[in-house]
Every structure is written in structure tokens, then in C-alpha cells.
């Protein structure tokens, strides 16, 4: 499942809860004009980015 299609199916508080549980910082897309997206920081190493995406993916798969 694409992250953007997943984000469109759940509300803001659920999105923030998942990224918080995964220890990934996110900003609601509404702050950037899109309420169907979240914004993730990538100001870190590629290794950390890959780990963060894996954590989010694992949490999303528990919802399906």
C-alpha cells in the first residue's frame, strides 16, 4: 500500500499516533496545503530514513 493512499484513509490523530509510535517525526500535510499527506523529515542518514520508513510500514500493516 502506498503511504499516500493509506494516509487518505485515516484521520490526522491516527496518522500522528502511528508516526509517534514509530518514533518518526511528522508534520500534518494540512500545514502544507494537503490534508491527505504527511510530511516527514529527511535531515538524517539514509540508514535512519530506511529504518523510519520500515517502522511506519510495520505499524501500518497492523491496521490492515
PDB file of N, CA and C in Angstrom:
ATOM      1  N   UNK A   1       0.839  -1.176   0.000  1.00  0.00           N
ATOM      2  CA  UNK A   1       0.000   0.000   0.000  1.00  0.00           C
ATOM      3  C   UNK A   1       0.886   1.241   0.000  1.00  0.00           C
ATOM      4  N   UNK A   2       0.577   2.176  -0.855  1.00  0.00           N
ATOM      5  CA  UNK A   2       1.320   3.432  -0.894  1.00  0.00           C
ATOM      6  C   UNK A   2       0.992   4.256   0.339  1.00  0.00           C
ATOM      7  N   UNK A   3       1.981   4.931   0.877  1.00  0.00           N
ATOM      8  CA  UNK A   3       1.767   5.736   2.069  1.00  0.00           C
ATOM      9  C   UNK A   3       0.697   6.785   1.846  1.00  0.00           C
ATOM     10  N   UNK A   4       0.680   7.431   0.680  1.00  0.00           N
ATOM     11  CA  UNK A   4      -0.305   8.485   0.434  1.00  0.00           C
ATOM     12  C   UNK A   4      -1.725   7.925   0.421  1.00  0.00           C
ATOM     13  N   UNK A   5      -1.932   6.725  -0.115  1.00  0.00           N
ATOM     14  CA  UNK A   5      -3.277   6.157  -0.119  1.00  0.00           C
ATOM     15  C   UNK A   5      -3.684   5.715   1.283  1.00  0.00           C
ATOM     16  N   UNK A   6      -2.719   5.274   2.072  1.00  0.00           N
ATOM     17  CA  UNK A   6      -3.002   4.927   3.459  1.00  0.00           C
ATOM     18  C   UNK A   6      -3.376   6.172   4.254  1.00  0.00           C
ATOM     19  N   UNK A   7      -2.615   7.249   4.092  1.00  0.00           N
ATOM     20  CA  UNK A   7      -2.849   8.471   4.858  1.00  0.00           C
ATOM     21  C   UNK A   7      -4.220   9.061   4.552  1.00  0.00           C
ATOM     22  N   UNK A   8      -4.699   8.891   3.333  1.00  0.00           N
ATOM     23  CA  UNK A   8      -6.005   9.431   2.960  1.00  0.00           C
ATOM     24  C   UNK A   8      -7.140   8.688   3.648  1.00  0.00           C
ATOM     25  N   UNK A   9      -6.882   7.488   4.150  1.00  0.00           N
ATOM     26  CA  UNK A   9      -7.927   6.670   4.747  1.00  0.00           C
ATOM     27  C   UNK A   9      -8.052   6.842   6.256  1.00  0.00           C
ATOM     28  N   UNK A  10      -7.108   7.501   6.887  1.00  0.00           N
ATOM     29  CA  UNK A  10      -7.172   7.668   8.328  1.00  0.00           C
ATOM     30  C   UNK A  10      -7.107   9.140   8.687  1.00  0.00           C
ATOM     31  N   UNK A  11      -7.528   9.463   9.901  1.00  0.00           N
ATOM     32  CA  UNK A  11      -7.561  10.869  10.273  1.00  0.00           C
ATOM     33  C   UNK A  11      -6.221  11.348  10.820  1.00  0.00           C
ATOM     34  N   UNK A  12      -6.143  12.626  11.055  1.00  0.00           N
ATOM     35  CA  UNK A  12      -4.896  13.259  11.485  1.00  0.00           C
ATOM     36  C   UNK A  12      -4.378  12.678  12.790  1.00  0.00           C
ATOM     37  N   UNK A  13      -5.242  12.495  13.776  1.00  0.00           N
ATOM     38  CA  UNK A  13      -4.765  11.983  15.062  1.00  0.00           C
ATOM     39  C   UNK A  13      -4.213  10.566  14.931  1.00  0.00           C
ATOM     40  N   UNK A  14      -4.823   9.746  14.066  1.00  0.00           N
ATOM     41  CA  UNK A  14      -4.293   8.399  13.835  1.00  0.00           C
ATOM     42  C   UNK A  14      -2.939   8.454  13.139  1.00  0.00           C
ATOM     43  N   UNK A  15      -2.803   9.349  12.174  1.00  0.00           N
ATOM     44  CA  UNK A  15      -1.532   9.500  11.467  1.00  0.00           C
ATOM     45  C   UNK A  15      -0.422   9.885  12.435  1.00  0.00           C
ATOM     46  N   UNK A  16      -0.692  10.868  13.272  1.00  0.00           N
ATOM     47  CA  UNK A  16       0.317  11.312  14.230  1.00  0.00           C
ATOM     48  C   UNK A  16       0.609  10.242  15.273  1.00  0.00           C
ATOM     49  N   UNK A  17      -0.388   9.470  15.663  1.00  0.00           N
ATOM     50  CA  UNK A  17      -0.163   8.385  16.626  1.00  0.00           C
ATOM     51  C   UNK A  17       0.757   7.320  16.048  1.00  0.00           C
ATOM     52  N   UNK A  18       0.576   6.993  14.776  1.00  0.00           N
ATOM     53  CA  UNK A  18       1.416   5.969  14.141  1.00  0.00           C
ATOM     54  C   UNK A  18       2.855   6.449  14.027  1.00  0.00           C
ATOM     55  N   UNK A  19       3.051   7.669  13.549  1.00  0.00           N
ATOM     56  CA  UNK A  19       4.420   8.150  13.426  1.00  0.00           C
ATOM     57  C   UNK A  19       5.058   8.346  14.792  1.00  0.00           C
ATOM     58  N   UNK A  20       4.262   8.721  15.791  1.00  0.00           N
ATOM     59  CA  UNK A  20       4.790   8.848  17.150  1.00  0.00           C
ATOM     60  C   UNK A  20       5.202   7.478  17.685  1.00  0.00           C
ATOM     61  N   UNK A  21       4.356   6.478  17.490  1.00  0.00           N
ATOM     62  CA  UNK A  21       4.670   5.113  17.936  1.00  0.00           C
ATOM     63  C   UNK A  21       5.932   4.592  17.253  1.00  0.00           C
ATOM     64  N   UNK A  22       6.124   4.961  16.000  1.00  0.00           N
ATOM     65  CA  UNK A  22       7.287   4.513  15.243  1.00  0.00           C
ATOM     66  C   UNK A  22       8.526   5.359  15.545  1.00  0.00           C
ATOM     67  N   UNK A  23       8.368   6.360  16.402  1.00  0.00           N
ATOM     68  CA  UNK A  23       9.457   7.296  16.742  1.00  0.00           C
ATOM     69  C   UNK A  23       9.973   8.025  15.499  1.00  0.00           C
ATOM     70  N   UNK A  24       9.028   8.463  14.670  1.00  0.00           N
ATOM     71  CA  UNK A  24       9.339   9.212  13.458  1.00  0.00           C
ATOM     72  C   UNK A  24       8.619  10.552  13.557  1.00  0.00           C
ATOM     73  N   UNK A  25       9.330  11.631  13.333  1.00  0.00           N
ATOM     74  CA  UNK A  25       8.720  12.953  13.400  1.00  0.00           C
ATOM     75  C   UNK A  25       7.973  13.236  12.112  1.00  0.00           C
ATOM     76  N   UNK A  26       6.740  13.719  12.253  1.00  0.00           N
ATOM     77  CA  UNK A  26       5.949  14.065  11.076  1.00  0.00           C
ATOM     78  C   UNK A  26       5.202  15.365  11.335  1.00  0.00           C
ATOM     79  N   UNK A  27       4.803  15.990  10.242  1.00  0.00           N
ATOM     80  CA  UNK A  27       4.005  17.203  10.285  1.00  0.00           C
ATOM     81  C   UNK A  27       2.775  16.940   9.430  1.00  0.00           C
ATOM     82  N   UNK A  28       1.586  17.277   9.929  1.00  0.00           N
ATOM     83  CA  UNK A  28       0.385  17.068   9.123  1.00  0.00           C
ATOM     84  C   UNK A  28       0.484  17.797   7.790  1.00  0.00           C
ATOM     85  N   UNK A  29       0.009  17.170   6.749  1.00  0.00           N
ATOM     86  CA  UNK A  29       0.049  17.770   5.422  1.00  0.00           C
ATOM     87  C   UNK A  29      -0.783  19.031   5.309  1.00  0.00           C
ATOM     88  N   UNK A  30      -1.757  19.194   6.202  1.00  0.00           N
ATOM     89  CA  UNK A  30      -2.588  20.397   6.161  1.00  0.00           C
ATOM     90  C   UNK A  30      -1.742  21.658   6.315  1.00  0.00           C
ATOM     91  N   UNK A  31      -0.611  21.544   7.015  1.00  0.00           N
ATOM     92  CA  UNK A  31       0.280  22.689   7.178  1.00  0.00           C
ATOM     93  C   UNK A  31       0.907  23.095   5.845  1.00  0.00           C
ATOM     94  N   UNK A  32       0.814  22.217   4.843  1.00  0.00           N
ATOM     95  CA  UNK A  32       1.415  22.481   3.532  1.00  0.00           C
ATOM     96  C   UNK A  32       0.377  22.416   2.414  1.00  0.00           C
ATOM     97  N   UNK A  33      -0.904  22.485   2.795  1.00  0.00           N
ATOM     98  CA  UNK A  33      -1.967  22.557   1.803  1.00  0.00           C
ATOM     99  C   UNK A  33      -2.535  21.230   1.333  1.00  0.00           C
ATOM    100  N   UNK A  34      -2.221  20.120   2.017  1.00  0.00           N
ATOM    101  CA  UNK A  34      -2.748  18.821   1.609  1.00  0.00           C
ATOM    102  C   UNK A  34      -3.125  18.012   2.842  1.00  0.00           C
ATOM    103  N   UNK A  35      -4.416  17.816   3.031  1.00  0.00           N
ATOM    104  CA  UNK A  35      -4.841  17.061   4.207  1.00  0.00           C
ATOM    105  C   UNK A  35      -4.828  15.548   3.979  1.00  0.00           C
ATOM    106  N   UNK A  36      -4.331  15.100   2.823  1.00  0.00           N
ATOM    107  CA  UNK A  36      -4.244  13.661   2.574  1.00  0.00           C
ATOM    108  C   UNK A  36      -2.797  13.174   2.577  1.00  0.00           C
ATOM    109  N   UNK A  37      -1.889  13.995   3.123  1.00  0.00           N
ATOM    110  CA  UNK A  37      -0.478  13.629   3.175  1.00  0.00           C
ATOM    111  C   UNK A  37       0.114  13.995   4.534  1.00  0.00           C
ATOM    112  N   UNK A  38       1.244  13.398   4.845  1.00  0.00           N
ATOM    113  CA  UNK A  38       2.032  13.817   5.990  1.00  0.00           C
ATOM    114  C   UNK A  38       3.416  14.193   5.484  1.00  0.00           C
ATOM    115  N   UNK A  39       4.102  15.005   6.228  1.00  0.00           N
ATOM    116  CA  UNK A  39       5.453  15.414   5.823  1.00  0.00           C
ATOM    117  C   UNK A  39       6.445  14.827   6.818  1.00  0.00           C
ATOM    118  N   UNK A  40       7.459  14.161   6.302  1.00  0.00           N
ATOM    119  CA  UNK A  40       8.483  13.537   7.124  1.00  0.00           C
ATOM    120  C   UNK A  40       9.799  14.275   6.934  1.00  0.00           C
ATOM    121  N   UNK A  41      10.569  14.378   7.995  1.00  0.00           N
ATOM    122  CA  UNK A  41      11.889  14.989   7.885  1.00  0.00           C
ATOM    123  C   UNK A  41      12.877  13.958   7.360  1.00  0.00           C
ATOM    124  N   UNK A  42      13.743  14.386   6.479  1.00  0.00           N
ATOM    125  CA  UNK A  42      14.784  13.508   5.975  1.00  0.00           C
ATOM    126  C   UNK A  42      16.164  14.096   6.235  1.00  0.00           C
ATOM    127  N   UNK A  43      16.280  14.892   7.293  1.00  0.00           N
ATOM    128  CA  UNK A  43      17.551  15.518   7.662  1.00  0.00           C
ATOM    129  C   UNK A  43      18.355  14.568   8.554  1.00  0.00           C
ATOM    130  N   UNK A  44      18.646  13.407   8.008  1.00  0.00           N
ATOM    131  CA  UNK A  44      19.385  12.377   8.735  1.00  0.00           C
ATOM    132  C   UNK A  44      20.033  11.450   7.723  1.00  0.00           C
ATOM    133  N   UNK A  45      20.658  10.412   8.188  1.00  0.00           N
ATOM    134  CA  UNK A  45      21.318   9.475   7.274  1.00  0.00           C
ATOM    135  C   UNK A  45      20.301   8.599   6.537  1.00  0.00           C
ATOM    136  N   UNK A  46      20.714   8.053   5.404  1.00  0.00           N
ATOM    137  CA  UNK A  46      19.847   7.152   4.639  1.00  0.00           C
ATOM    138  C   UNK A  46      19.485   5.932   5.492  1.00  0.00           C
ATOM    139  N   UNK A  47      20.407   5.449   6.287  1.00  0.00           N
ATOM    140  CA  UNK A  47      20.142   4.307   7.162  1.00  0.00           C
ATOM    141  C   UNK A  47      18.983   4.627   8.119  1.00  0.00           C
ATOM    142  N   UNK A  48      18.989   5.820   8.707  1.00  0.00           N
ATOM    143  CA  UNK A  48      17.912   6.209   9.620  1.00  0.00           C
ATOM    144  C   UNK A  48      16.594   6.397   8.890  1.00  0.00           C
ATOM    145  N   UNK A  49      16.638   6.940   7.688  1.00  0.00           N
ATOM    146  CA  UNK A  49      15.418   7.111   6.895  1.00  0.00           C
ATOM    147  C   UNK A  49      14.804   5.752   6.582  1.00  0.00           C
ATOM    148  N   UNK A  50      15.635   4.811   6.141  1.00  0.00           N
ATOM    149  CA  UNK A  50      15.135   3.470   5.831  1.00  0.00           C
ATOM    150  C   UNK A  50      14.530   2.812   7.072  1.00  0.00           C
ATOM    151  N   UNK A  51      15.158   2.974   8.214  1.00  0.00           N
ATOM    152  CA  UNK A  51      14.633   2.402   9.461  1.00  0.00           C
ATOM    153  C   UNK A  51      13.298   3.053   9.830  1.00  0.00           C
ATOM    154  N   UNK A  52      13.205   4.361   9.688  1.00  0.00           N
ATOM    155  CA  UNK A  52      11.950   5.055   9.989  1.00  0.00           C
ATOM    156  C   UNK A  52      10.811   4.611   9.094  1.00  0.00           C
ATOM    157  N   UNK A  53      11.079   4.476   7.794  1.00  0.00           N
ATOM    158  CA  UNK A  53      10.052   4.009   6.860  1.00  0.00           C
ATOM    159  C   UNK A  53       9.638   2.581   7.202  1.00  0.00           C
ATOM    160  N   UNK A  54      10.585   1.752   7.575  1.00  0.00           N
ATOM    161  CA  UNK A  54      10.269   0.377   7.978  1.00  0.00           C
ATOM    162  C   UNK A  54       9.354   0.380   9.196  1.00  0.00           C
ATOM    163  N   UNK A  55       9.635   1.226  10.169  1.00  0.00           N
ATOM    164  CA  UNK A  55       8.799   1.298  11.375  1.00  0.00           C
ATOM    165  C   UNK A  55       7.381   1.730  11.035  1.00  0.00           C
ATOM    166  N   UNK A  56       7.261   2.741  10.164  1.00  0.00           N
ATOM    167  CA  UNK A  56       5.938   3.194   9.754  1.00  0.00           C
ATOM    168  C   UNK A  56       5.200   2.083   9.015  1.00  0.00           C
ATOM    169  N   UNK A  57       5.879   1.434   8.103  1.00  0.00           N
ATOM    170  CA  UNK A  57       5.276   0.340   7.339  1.00  0.00           C
ATOM    171  C   UNK A  57       4.796  -0.760   8.278  1.00  0.00           C
ATOM    172  N   UNK A  58       5.598  -1.120   9.262  1.00  0.00           N
ATOM    173  CA  UNK A  58       5.207  -2.155  10.223  1.00  0.00           C
ATOM    174  C   UNK A  58       3.959  -1.752  10.987  1.00  0.00           C
ATOM    175  N   UNK A  59       3.873  -0.492  11.402  1.00  0.00           N
ATOM    176  CA  UNK A  59       2.700  -0.027  12.131  1.00  0.00           C
ATOM    177  C   UNK A  59       1.459   0.008  11.233  1.00  0.00           C
ATOM    178  N   UNK A  60       1.630   0.404   9.974  1.00  0.00           N
ATOM    179  CA  UNK A  60       0.508   0.439   9.045  1.00  0.00           C
ATOM    180  C   UNK A  60      -0.019  -0.966   8.785  1.00  0.00           C
ATOM    181  N   UNK A  61       0.887  -1.928   8.645  1.00  0.00           N
ATOM    182  CA  UNK A  61       0.457  -3.290   8.347  1.00  0.00           C
ATOM    183  C   UNK A  61      -0.387  -3.870   9.482  1.00  0.00           C
ATOM    184  N   UNK A  62      -0.218  -3.374  10.680  1.00  0.00           N
ATOM    185  CA  UNK A  62      -1.034  -3.834  11.811  1.00  0.00           C
ATOM    186  C   UNK A  62      -2.456  -3.303  11.722  1.00  0.00           C
ATOM    187  N   UNK A  63      -2.670  -2.227  10.953  1.00  0.00           N
ATOM    188  CA  UNK A  63      -4.001  -1.656  10.782  1.00  0.00           C
ATOM    189  C   UNK A  63      -4.822  -2.385   9.742  1.00  0.00           C
ATOM    190  N   UNK A  64      -4.160  -2.982   8.773  1.00  0.00           N
ATOM    191  CA  UNK A  64      -4.865  -3.606   7.649  1.00  0.00           C
ATOM    192  C   UNK A  64      -5.522  -4.903   8.044  1.00  0.00           C
TER     193      UNK A  64
END
